All heavy atoms as atom14 arrays in JSON, in Angstrom:
{
  "sequence": "NYADSVKGRFTISRDSAKNTMYLQMNSLKPEDTAVYFCNAYYYTDNY",
  "atom14_mask": [
    [1, 1, 1, 1, 1, 1, 1, 1, 0, 0, 0, 0, 0, 0],
    [1, 1, 1, 1, 1, 1, 1, 1, 1, 1, 1, 1, 0, 0],
    [1, 1, 1, 1, 1, 0, 0, 0, 0, 0, 0, 0, 0, 0],
    [1, 1, 1, 1, 1, 1, 1, 1, 0, 0, 0, 0, 0, 0],
    [1, 1, 1, 1, 1, 1, 0, 0, 0, 0, 0, 0, 0, 0],
    [1, 1, 1, 1, 1, 1, 1, 0, 0, 0, 0, 0, 0, 0],
    [1, 1, 1, 1, 1, 1, 1, 1, 1, 0, 0, 0, 0, 0],
    [1, 1, 1, 1, 0, 0, 0, 0, 0, 0, 0, 0, 0, 0],
    [1, 1, 1, 1, 1, 1, 1, 1, 1, 1, 1, 0, 0, 0],
    [1, 1, 1, 1, 1, 1, 1, 1, 1, 1, 1, 0, 0, 0],
    [1, 1, 1, 1, 1, 1, 1, 0, 0, 0, 0, 0, 0, 0],
    [1, 1, 1, 1, 1, 1, 1, 1, 0, 0, 0, 0, 0, 0],
    [1, 1, 1, 1, 1, 1, 0, 0, 0, 0, 0, 0, 0, 0],
    [1, 1, 1, 1, 1, 1, 1, 1, 1, 1, 1, 0, 0, 0],
    [1, 1, 1, 1, 1, 1, 1, 1, 0, 0, 0, 0, 0, 0],
    [1, 1, 1, 1, 1, 1, 0, 0, 0, 0, 0, 0, 0, 0],
    [1, 1, 1, 1, 1, 0, 0, 0, 0, 0, 0, 0, 0, 0],
    [1, 1, 1, 1, 1, 1, 1, 1, 1, 0, 0, 0, 0, 0],
    [1, 1, 1, 1, 1, 1, 1, 1, 0, 0, 0, 0, 0, 0],
    [1, 1, 1, 1, 1, 1, 1, 0, 0, 0, 0, 0, 0, 0],
    [1, 1, 1, 1, 1, 1, 1, 1, 0, 0, 0, 0, 0, 0],
    [1, 1, 1, 1, 1, 1, 1, 1, 1, 1, 1, 1, 0, 0],
    [1, 1, 1, 1, 1, 1, 1, 1, 0, 0, 0, 0, 0, 0],
    [1, 1, 1, 1, 1, 1, 1, 1, 1, 0, 0, 0, 0, 0],
    [1, 1, 1, 1, 1, 1, 1, 1, 0, 0, 0, 0, 0, 0],
    [1, 1, 1, 1, 1, 1, 1, 1, 0, 0, 0, 0, 0, 0],
    [1, 1, 1, 1, 1, 1, 0, 0, 0, 0, 0, 0, 0, 0],
    [1, 1, 1, 1, 1, 1, 1, 1, 0, 0, 0, 0, 0, 0],
    [1, 1, 1, 1, 1, 1, 1, 1, 1, 0, 0, 0, 0, 0],
    [1, 1, 1, 1, 1, 1, 1, 0, 0, 0, 0, 0, 0, 0],
    [1, 1, 1, 1, 1, 1, 1, 1, 1, 0, 0, 0, 0, 0],
    [1, 1, 1, 1, 1, 1, 1, 1, 0, 0, 0, 0, 0, 0],
    [1, 1, 1, 1, 1, 1, 1, 0, 0, 0, 0, 0, 0, 0],
    [1, 1, 1, 1, 1, 0, 0, 0, 0, 0, 0, 0, 0, 0],
    [1, 1, 1, 1, 1, 1, 1, 0, 0, 0, 0, 0, 0, 0],
    [1, 1, 1, 1, 1, 1, 1, 1, 1, 1, 1, 1, 0, 0],
    [1, 1, 1, 1, 1, 1, 1, 1, 1, 1, 1, 0, 0, 0],
    [1, 1, 1, 1, 1, 1, 0, 0, 0, 0, 0, 0, 0, 0],
    [1, 1, 1, 1, 1, 1, 1, 1, 0, 0, 0, 0, 0, 0],
    [1, 1, 1, 1, 1, 0, 0, 0, 0, 0, 0, 0, 0, 0],
    [1, 1, 1, 1, 1, 1, 1, 1, 1, 1, 1, 1, 0, 0],
    [1, 1, 1, 1, 1, 1, 1, 1, 1, 1, 1, 1, 0, 0],
    [1, 1, 1, 1, 1, 1, 1, 1, 1, 1, 1, 1, 0, 0],
    [1, 1, 1, 1, 1, 1, 1, 0, 0, 0, 0, 0, 0, 0],
    [1, 1, 1, 1, 1, 1, 1, 1, 0, 0, 0, 0, 0, 0],
    [1, 1, 1, 1, 1, 1, 1, 1, 0, 0, 0, 0, 0, 0],
    [1, 1, 1, 1, 1, 1, 1, 1, 1, 1, 1, 1, 0, 0]
  ],
  "atom14_positions": [
    [[-86.55, -52.26, -22.18], [-86.72, -52.55, -23.57], [-85.9, -53.73, -24.04], [-84.67, -53.72, -23.61], [-86.45, -51.2, -24.51], [-86.89, -51.43, -25.84], [-87.92, -52.02, -26.16], [-86.14, -50.84, -26.77], [0.0, 0.0, 0.0], [0.0, 0.0, 0.0], [0.0, 0.0, 0.0], [0.0, 0.0, 0.0], [0.0, 0.0, 0.0], [0.0, 0.0, 0.0]],
    [[-86.34, -54.6, -24.9], [-85.58, -55.82, -25.32], [-85.61, -55.86, -26.83], [-86.55, -55.55, -27.47], [-86.25, -57.09, -24.65], [-86.17, -57.09, -23.14], [-87.19, -56.65, -22.43], [-85.07, -57.74, -22.56], [-87.2, -56.76, -21.04], [-84.99, -57.81, -21.17], [-86.12, -57.26, -20.42], [-86.03, -57.39, -19.09], [0.0, 0.0, 0.0], [0.0, 0.0, 0.0]],
    [[-84.55, -56.39, -27.3], [-84.49, -56.74, -28.74], [-85.44, -57.93, -28.97], [-85.62, -58.82, -28.1], [-83.01, -57.21, -29.11], [0.0, 0.0, 0.0], [0.0, 0.0, 0.0], [0.0, 0.0, 0.0], [0.0, 0.0, 0.0], [0.0, 0.0, 0.0], [0.0, 0.0, 0.0], [0.0, 0.0, 0.0], [0.0, 0.0, 0.0], [0.0, 0.0, 0.0]],
    [[-86.08, -57.94, -30.16], [-87.0, -59.03, -30.43], [-86.42, -60.35, -30.32], [-87.09, -61.36, -29.89], [-87.5, -58.79, -31.85], [-88.44, -57.65, -31.93], [-89.01, -57.12, -30.96], [-88.71, -57.16, -33.13], [0.0, 0.0, 0.0], [0.0, 0.0, 0.0], [0.0, 0.0, 0.0], [0.0, 0.0, 0.0], [0.0, 0.0, 0.0], [0.0, 0.0, 0.0]],
    [[-85.15, -60.57, -30.6], [-84.5, -61.91, -30.59], [-84.31, -62.43, -29.16], [-84.1, -63.61, -29.06], [-83.18, -61.82, -31.28], [-82.3, -60.78, -30.58], [0.0, 0.0, 0.0], [0.0, 0.0, 0.0], [0.0, 0.0, 0.0], [0.0, 0.0, 0.0], [0.0, 0.0, 0.0], [0.0, 0.0, 0.0], [0.0, 0.0, 0.0], [0.0, 0.0, 0.0]],
    [[-84.47, -61.59, -28.16], [-84.29, -62.08, -26.78], [-85.45, -61.96, -25.88], [-85.45, -62.42, -24.74], [-83.03, -61.39, -26.13], [-81.78, -61.5, -26.94], [-83.42, -59.88, -25.77], [0.0, 0.0, 0.0], [0.0, 0.0, 0.0], [0.0, 0.0, 0.0], [0.0, 0.0, 0.0], [0.0, 0.0, 0.0], [0.0, 0.0, 0.0], [0.0, 0.0, 0.0]],
    [[-86.56, -61.4, -26.43], [-87.78, -61.28, -25.64], [-88.3, -62.58, -25.18], [-88.35, -63.55, -25.85], [-88.85, -60.58, -26.44], [-88.61, -59.01, -26.61], [-89.78, -58.44, -27.42], [-89.63, -56.89, -27.57], [-90.62, -56.34, -28.41], [0.0, 0.0, 0.0], [0.0, 0.0, 0.0], [0.0, 0.0, 0.0], [0.0, 0.0, 0.0], [0.0, 0.0, 0.0]],
    [[-88.59, -62.63, -23.86], [-89.02, -63.77, -23.28], [-87.95, -64.67, -22.75], [-88.29, -65.7, -22.01], [0.0, 0.0, 0.0], [0.0, 0.0, 0.0], [0.0, 0.0, 0.0], [0.0, 0.0, 0.0], [0.0, 0.0, 0.0], [0.0, 0.0, 0.0], [0.0, 0.0, 0.0], [0.0, 0.0, 0.0], [0.0, 0.0, 0.0], [0.0, 0.0, 0.0]],
    [[-86.71, -64.46, -23.05], [-85.62, -65.34, -22.62], [-84.63, -64.52, -21.77], [-84.07, -65.14, -20.8], [-84.84, -65.75, -23.88], [-85.66, -66.64, -24.81], [-84.76, -67.28, -25.83], [-84.12, -66.36, -26.76], [-82.87, -66.22, -26.84], [-82.03, -66.99, -26.17], [-82.31, -65.3, -27.67], [0.0, 0.0, 0.0], [0.0, 0.0, 0.0], [0.0, 0.0, 0.0]],
    [[-84.5, -63.22, -21.99], [-83.49, -62.41, -21.17], [-84.26, -61.42, -20.23], [-85.39, -60.95, -20.64], [-82.65, -61.59, -22.17], [-81.59, -62.4, -22.9], [-81.67, -63.74, -23.0], [-80.62, -61.76, -23.63], [-80.81, -64.59, -23.65], [-79.66, -62.46, -24.32], [-79.75, -63.81, -24.41], [0.0, 0.0, 0.0], [0.0, 0.0, 0.0], [0.0, 0.0, 0.0]],
    [[-83.71, -61.1, -19.13], [-84.29, -60.16, -18.21], [-83.17, -59.29, -17.69], [-82.18, -59.72, -17.21], [-85.0, -60.8, -17.04], [-85.96, -61.78, -17.55], [-85.61, -59.87, -16.12], [0.0, 0.0, 0.0], [0.0, 0.0, 0.0], [0.0, 0.0, 0.0], [0.0, 0.0, 0.0], [0.0, 0.0, 0.0], [0.0, 0.0, 0.0], [0.0, 0.0, 0.0]],
    [[-83.43, -57.97, -17.89], [-82.48, -56.97, -17.38], [-82.94, -56.43, -16.01], [-84.17, -56.27, -15.88], [-82.25, -55.76, -18.42], [-81.13, -54.9, -17.94], [-83.58, -55.0, -18.56], [-80.77, -53.87, -18.97], [0.0, 0.0, 0.0], [0.0, 0.0, 0.0], [0.0, 0.0, 0.0], [0.0, 0.0, 0.0], [0.0, 0.0, 0.0], [0.0, 0.0, 0.0]],
    [[-82.05, -56.2, -15.1], [-82.43, -55.76, -13.79], [-81.26, -54.92, -13.16], [-80.18, -54.93, -13.76], [-82.86, -56.85, -12.81], [-81.8, -57.79, -12.68], [0.0, 0.0, 0.0], [0.0, 0.0, 0.0], [0.0, 0.0, 0.0], [0.0, 0.0, 0.0], [0.0, 0.0, 0.0], [0.0, 0.0, 0.0], [0.0, 0.0, 0.0], [0.0, 0.0, 0.0]],
    [[-81.5, -54.29, -12.06], [-80.52, -53.47, -11.39], [-80.66, -53.59, -9.88], [-81.74, -53.75, -9.43], [-80.51, -52.07, -11.97], [-81.86, -51.4, -11.69], [-82.02, -50.05, -12.32], [-83.32, -49.4, -12.03], [-83.72, -48.36, -12.54], [-82.97, -47.68, -13.45], [-84.87, -47.82, -12.21], [0.0, 0.0, 0.0], [0.0, 0.0, 0.0], [0.0, 0.0, 0.0]],
    [[-79.59, -53.3, -9.21], [-79.44, -53.24, -7.76], [-78.7, -51.97, -7.43], [-77.55, -51.89, -7.5], [-78.76, -54.5, -7.23], [-78.84, -54.52, -5.65], [-79.08, -53.48, -5.03], [-78.65, -55.62, -5.17], [0.0, 0.0, 0.0], [0.0, 0.0, 0.0], [0.0, 0.0, 0.0], [0.0, 0.0, 0.0], [0.0, 0.0, 0.0], [0.0, 0.0, 0.0]],
    [[-79.52, -50.9, -7.07], [-78.94, -49.68, -6.79], [-77.99, -49.69, -5.54], [-76.99, -48.96, -5.54], [-80.0, -48.57, -6.63], [-80.84, -48.89, -5.54], [0.0, 0.0, 0.0], [0.0, 0.0, 0.0], [0.0, 0.0, 0.0], [0.0, 0.0, 0.0], [0.0, 0.0, 0.0], [0.0, 0.0, 0.0], [0.0, 0.0, 0.0], [0.0, 0.0, 0.0]],
    [[-78.29, -50.54, -4.63], [-77.43, -50.63, -3.42], [-76.03, -51.16, -3.79], [-75.03, -50.85, -3.12], [-78.13, -51.6, -2.36], [0.0, 0.0, 0.0], [0.0, 0.0, 0.0], [0.0, 0.0, 0.0], [0.0, 0.0, 0.0], [0.0, 0.0, 0.0], [0.0, 0.0, 0.0], [0.0, 0.0, 0.0], [0.0, 0.0, 0.0], [0.0, 0.0, 0.0]],
    [[-75.9, -51.96, -4.81], [-74.63, -52.45, -5.26], [-74.08, -51.77, -6.44], [-72.99, -52.11, -7.02], [-74.76, -53.98, -5.54], [-75.11, -54.79, -4.34], [-75.18, -56.29, -4.66], [-75.49, -57.1, -3.43], [-75.53, -58.57, -3.66], [0.0, 0.0, 0.0], [0.0, 0.0, 0.0], [0.0, 0.0, 0.0], [0.0, 0.0, 0.0], [0.0, 0.0, 0.0]],
    [[-74.82, -50.77, -6.93], [-74.41, -50.14, -8.21], [-74.19, -51.15, -9.33], [-73.19, -51.0, -10.13], [-73.26, -49.2, -8.07], [-73.59, -47.97, -7.22], [-74.65, -47.53, -7.21], [-72.52, -47.48, -6.56], [0.0, 0.0, 0.0], [0.0, 0.0, 0.0], [0.0, 0.0, 0.0], [0.0, 0.0, 0.0], [0.0, 0.0, 0.0], [0.0, 0.0, 0.0]],
    [[-75.04, -52.11, -9.45], [-74.93, -53.21, -10.39], [-76.05, -53.4, -11.24], [-77.23, -53.43, -10.79], [-74.52, -54.48, -9.67], [-73.23, -54.23, -8.91], [-74.24, -55.61, -10.62], [0.0, 0.0, 0.0], [0.0, 0.0, 0.0], [0.0, 0.0, 0.0], [0.0, 0.0, 0.0], [0.0, 0.0, 0.0], [0.0, 0.0, 0.0], [0.0, 0.0, 0.0]],
    [[-75.91, -53.72, -12.5], [-76.92, -54.09, -13.44], [-76.7, -55.57, -13.86], [-75.54, -56.01, -13.89], [-76.86, -53.2, -14.71], [-77.85, -53.59, -15.76], [-77.66, -52.54, -17.2], [-76.09, -52.92, -17.79], [0.0, 0.0, 0.0], [0.0, 0.0, 0.0], [0.0, 0.0, 0.0], [0.0, 0.0, 0.0], [0.0, 0.0, 0.0], [0.0, 0.0, 0.0]],
    [[-77.73, -56.25, -14.19], [-77.69, -57.66, -14.4], [-78.42, -58.0, -15.71], [-79.29, -57.23, -16.15], [-78.31, -58.54, -13.37], [-77.67, -58.29, -11.96], [-78.36, -57.44, -11.04], [-76.51, -59.0, -11.57], [-77.78, -57.21, -9.86], [-76.05, -58.77, -10.29], [-76.61, -57.85, -9.43], [-76.08, -57.62, -8.17], [0.0, 0.0, 0.0], [0.0, 0.0, 0.0]],
    [[-77.99, -59.11, -16.31], [-78.69, -59.62, -17.49], [-78.8, -61.12, -17.25], [-77.79, -61.84, -17.37], [-77.95, -59.36, -18.78], [-78.72, -59.81, -20.04], [-80.04, -58.95, -20.23], [-77.83, -59.68, -21.26], [0.0, 0.0, 0.0], [0.0, 0.0, 0.0], [0.0, 0.0, 0.0], [0.0, 0.0, 0.0], [0.0, 0.0, 0.0], [0.0, 0.0, 0.0]],
    [[-80.06, -61.54, -16.92], [-80.36, -62.96, -16.82], [-80.63, -63.56, -18.18], [-81.56, -63.04, -18.8], [-81.42, -63.19, -15.84], [-81.86, -64.62, -15.6], [-80.72, -65.47, -14.91], [-80.2, -65.03, -14.01], [-80.4, -66.62, -15.49], [0.0, 0.0, 0.0], [0.0, 0.0, 0.0], [0.0, 0.0, 0.0], [0.0, 0.0, 0.0], [0.0, 0.0, 0.0]],
    [[-79.91, -64.47, -18.62], [-80.13, -65.08, -19.95], [-80.53, -66.5, -19.82], [-79.75, -67.31, -19.3], [-78.82, -64.94, -20.73], [-78.31, -63.49, -20.89], [-76.87, -63.34, -21.98], [-75.63, -64.29, -21.0], [0.0, 0.0, 0.0], [0.0, 0.0, 0.0], [0.0, 0.0, 0.0], [0.0, 0.0, 0.0], [0.0, 0.0, 0.0], [0.0, 0.0, 0.0]],
    [[-81.69, -66.77, -20.24], [-82.21, -68.19, -20.24], [-82.44, -68.77, -21.65], [-82.51, -67.96, -22.62], [-83.52, -68.24, -19.45], [-83.34, -67.85, -17.96], [-82.35, -68.07, -17.44], [-84.44, -67.17, -17.5], [0.0, 0.0, 0.0], [0.0, 0.0, 0.0], [0.0, 0.0, 0.0], [0.0, 0.0, 0.0], [0.0, 0.0, 0.0], [0.0, 0.0, 0.0]],
    [[-82.59, -70.05, -21.71], [-82.83, -70.7, -23.06], [-81.88, -70.24, -24.18], [-82.22, -69.81, -25.23], [-84.29, -70.42, -23.48], [-85.17, -70.91, -22.51], [0.0, 0.0, 0.0], [0.0, 0.0, 0.0], [0.0, 0.0, 0.0], [0.0, 0.0, 0.0], [0.0, 0.0, 0.0], [0.0, 0.0, 0.0], [0.0, 0.0, 0.0], [0.0, 0.0, 0.0]],
    [[-80.63, -70.19, -23.79], [-79.68, -69.64, -24.63], [-79.46, -70.44, -25.97], [-79.63, -71.63, -25.95], [-78.21, -69.65, -23.86], [-78.15, -68.46, -22.95], [-77.0, -68.74, -22.0], [-77.98, -67.12, -23.66], [0.0, 0.0, 0.0], [0.0, 0.0, 0.0], [0.0, 0.0, 0.0], [0.0, 0.0, 0.0], [0.0, 0.0, 0.0], [0.0, 0.0, 0.0]],
    [[-79.19, -69.73, -27.02], [-79.07, -70.34, -28.34], [-77.69, -70.04, -28.86], [-77.09, -69.12, -28.38], [-80.15, -69.73, -29.28], [-81.53, -69.82, -28.8], [-82.54, -69.09, -29.76], [-83.91, -69.16, -29.34], [-84.87, -68.49, -30.23], [0.0, 0.0, 0.0], [0.0, 0.0, 0.0], [0.0, 0.0, 0.0], [0.0, 0.0, 0.0], [0.0, 0.0, 0.0]],
    [[-77.21, -70.83, -29.79], [-75.9, -70.56, -30.41], [-75.78, -69.14, -30.98], [-74.63, -68.62, -30.89], [-75.78, -71.59, -31.52], [-76.61, -72.74, -31.01], [-77.8, -72.13, -30.28], [0.0, 0.0, 0.0], [0.0, 0.0, 0.0], [0.0, 0.0, 0.0], [0.0, 0.0, 0.0], [0.0, 0.0, 0.0], [0.0, 0.0, 0.0], [0.0, 0.0, 0.0]],
    [[-76.92, -68.64, -31.53], [-76.78, -67.22, -32.12], [-76.7, -66.17, -31.02], [-76.5, -64.97, -31.43], [-78.07, -67.01, -32.98], [-79.37, -67.34, -32.28], [-79.91, -68.79, -32.69], [-79.14, -69.69, -32.71], [-81.15, -68.79, -32.99], [0.0, 0.0, 0.0], [0.0, 0.0, 0.0], [0.0, 0.0, 0.0], [0.0, 0.0, 0.0], [0.0, 0.0, 0.0]],
    [[-76.8, -66.55, -29.75], [-76.52, -65.62, -28.7], [-75.03, -65.37, -28.47], [-74.66, -64.48, -27.71], [-77.16, -66.09, -27.42], [-78.7, -65.96, -27.52], [-79.26, -65.07, -28.1], [-79.34, -66.95, -26.98], [0.0, 0.0, 0.0], [0.0, 0.0, 0.0], [0.0, 0.0, 0.0], [0.0, 0.0, 0.0], [0.0, 0.0, 0.0], [0.0, 0.0, 0.0]],
    [[-74.26, -66.14, -29.07], [-72.79, -66.07, -28.89], [-72.3, -64.73, -29.34], [-72.52, -64.32, -30.45], [-72.09, -67.22, -29.76], [-72.48, -68.48, -29.14], [-70.55, -67.03, -29.61], [0.0, 0.0, 0.0], [0.0, 0.0, 0.0], [0.0, 0.0, 0.0], [0.0, 0.0, 0.0], [0.0, 0.0, 0.0], [0.0, 0.0, 0.0], [0.0, 0.0, 0.0]],
    [[-71.61, -64.11, -28.54], [-71.12, -62.74, -28.8], [-70.29, -62.2, -27.56], [-70.34, -62.81, -26.48], [-72.25, -61.75, -29.08], [0.0, 0.0, 0.0], [0.0, 0.0, 0.0], [0.0, 0.0, 0.0], [0.0, 0.0, 0.0], [0.0, 0.0, 0.0], [0.0, 0.0, 0.0], [0.0, 0.0, 0.0], [0.0, 0.0, 0.0], [0.0, 0.0, 0.0]],
    [[-69.69, -61.08, -27.82], [-69.11, -60.34, -26.68], [-70.2, -59.36, -26.18], [-70.82, -58.62, -27.02], [-67.87, -59.59, -27.1], [-67.26, -58.67, -25.92], [-66.72, -60.47, -27.56], [0.0, 0.0, 0.0], [0.0, 0.0, 0.0], [0.0, 0.0, 0.0], [0.0, 0.0, 0.0], [0.0, 0.0, 0.0], [0.0, 0.0, 0.0], [0.0, 0.0, 0.0]],
    [[-70.5, -59.46, -24.99], [-71.44, -58.58, -24.32], [-70.88, -57.46, -23.63], [-69.99, -57.6, -22.84], [-72.37, -59.41, -23.32], [-73.35, -60.34, -24.13], [-72.93, -61.44, -24.81], [-74.75, -60.03, -24.09], [-73.79, -62.25, -25.48], [-75.63, -60.9, -24.81], [-75.15, -61.96, -25.48], [-76.05, -62.79, -26.13], [0.0, 0.0, 0.0], [0.0, 0.0, 0.0]],
    [[-71.48, -56.26, -23.9], [-70.82, -54.98, -23.38], [-71.92, -54.33, -22.42], [-73.14, -54.19, -22.88], [-70.49, -54.01, -24.47], [-69.33, -54.5, -25.3], [-69.64, -55.24, -26.43], [-68.04, -54.28, -25.01], [-68.61, -55.68, -27.26], [-67.03, -54.63, -25.8], [-67.37, -55.39, -26.94], [0.0, 0.0, 0.0], [0.0, 0.0, 0.0], [0.0, 0.0, 0.0]],
    [[-71.52, -53.77, -21.35], [-72.3, -52.92, -20.53], [-72.12, -51.5, -20.94], [-71.08, -51.07, -21.28], [-71.82, -53.07, -19.07], [-72.73, -52.07, -17.89], [0.0, 0.0, 0.0], [0.0, 0.0, 0.0], [0.0, 0.0, 0.0], [0.0, 0.0, 0.0], [0.0, 0.0, 0.0], [0.0, 0.0, 0.0], [0.0, 0.0, 0.0], [0.0, 0.0, 0.0]],
    [[-73.35, -50.77, -20.89], [-73.37, -49.45, -21.46], [-74.08, -48.54, -20.42], [-75.07, -48.92, -19.9], [-73.97, -49.3, -22.81], [-74.29, -47.86, -23.21], [-75.39, -47.39, -22.99], [-73.31, -47.21, -23.74], [0.0, 0.0, 0.0], [0.0, 0.0, 0.0], [0.0, 0.0, 0.0], [0.0, 0.0, 0.0], [0.0, 0.0, 0.0], [0.0, 0.0, 0.0]],
    [[-73.59, -47.39, -20.28], [-74.27, -46.35, -19.42], [-74.21, -45.02, -20.07], [-73.25, -44.62, -20.54], [-73.55, -46.27, -18.07], [0.0, 0.0, 0.0], [0.0, 0.0, 0.0], [0.0, 0.0, 0.0], [0.0, 0.0, 0.0], [0.0, 0.0, 0.0], [0.0, 0.0, 0.0], [0.0, 0.0, 0.0], [0.0, 0.0, 0.0], [0.0, 0.0, 0.0]],
    [[-75.43, -44.42, -20.07], [-75.5, -43.01, -20.54], [-75.54, -42.1, -19.34], [-76.56, -42.12, -18.49], [-76.73, -42.84, -21.43], [-76.89, -41.55, -22.15], [-75.94, -41.29, -23.23], [-77.81, -40.58, -21.84], [-76.08, -40.09, -23.97], [-77.9, -39.43, -22.57], [-77.01, -39.18, -23.52], [-76.98, -37.98, -24.3], [0.0, 0.0, 0.0], [0.0, 0.0, 0.0]],
    [[-74.51, -41.29, -19.21], [-74.28, -40.54, -18.0], [-73.9, -39.11, -18.36], [-72.85, -38.85, -18.95], [-73.19, -41.25, -17.16], [-72.79, -40.47, -15.89], [-73.53, -40.67, -14.73], [-71.64, -39.83, -15.8], [-73.21, -40.06, -13.57], [-71.18, -39.28, -14.61], [-72.0, -39.34, -13.52], [-71.59, -38.85, -12.27], [0.0, 0.0, 0.0], [0.0, 0.0, 0.0]],
    [[-74.86, -38.12, -18.05], [-74.61, -36.68, -18.33], [-74.15, -36.46, -19.77], [-73.08, -35.92, -19.94], [-73.67, -36.18, -17.35], [-74.23, -36.02, -15.94], [-73.87, -36.98, -14.92], [-75.07, -35.0, -15.57], [-74.42, -36.89, -13.7], [-75.64, -34.92, -14.28], [-75.28, -35.87, -13.36], [-75.85, -35.72, -12.14], [0.0, 0.0, 0.0], [0.0, 0.0, 0.0]],
    [[-74.88, -36.9, -20.7], [-74.78, -36.75, -22.2], [-73.63, -37.59, -22.78], [-73.45, -37.56, -23.97], [-74.44, -35.31, -22.55], [-73.09, -34.89, -22.24], [-75.43, -34.31, -21.83], [0.0, 0.0, 0.0], [0.0, 0.0, 0.0], [0.0, 0.0, 0.0], [0.0, 0.0, 0.0], [0.0, 0.0, 0.0], [0.0, 0.0, 0.0], [0.0, 0.0, 0.0]],
    [[-72.94, -38.4, -22.0], [-71.88, -39.25, -22.55], [-72.24, -40.74, -22.34], [-72.85, -41.14, -21.39], [-70.58, -38.94, -21.88], [-69.99, -37.62, -22.24], [-70.11, -37.15, -23.42], [-69.38, -36.99, -21.4], [0.0, 0.0, 0.0], [0.0, 0.0, 0.0], [0.0, 0.0, 0.0], [0.0, 0.0, 0.0], [0.0, 0.0, 0.0], [0.0, 0.0, 0.0]],
    [[-71.76, -41.44, -23.34], [-71.81, -43.01, -23.28], [-70.54, -43.56, -22.75], [-69.46, -43.14, -23.14], [-72.13, -43.52, -24.58], [-73.67, -43.6, -24.94], [-74.44, -44.09, -24.08], [-74.06, -43.11, -26.05], [0.0, 0.0, 0.0], [0.0, 0.0, 0.0], [0.0, 0.0, 0.0], [0.0, 0.0, 0.0], [0.0, 0.0, 0.0], [0.0, 0.0, 0.0]],
    [[-70.71, -44.52, -21.84], [-69.57, -45.27, -21.29], [-69.69, -46.69, -21.59], [-70.83, -47.21, -21.58], [-69.31, -44.96, -19.87], [-69.11, -43.51, -19.53], [-70.17, -42.66, -19.38], [-67.76, -43.05, -19.46], [-69.84, -41.22, -19.13], [-67.46, -41.67, -19.18], [-68.57, -40.81, -19.04], [-68.28, -39.53, -18.76], [0.0, 0.0, 0.0], [0.0, 0.0, 0.0]]
  ]
}
């Protein structure tokens, strides 16, 4: 699921072998400037 503001530009993916999630960001705009946080919902808790 993607926010409307990033649809068509960003792609989320994961590699289970590496326990890693990725965010590929293309066609970046100044309004994309922010601190980006990784989130995981794990056994009823957010991390």
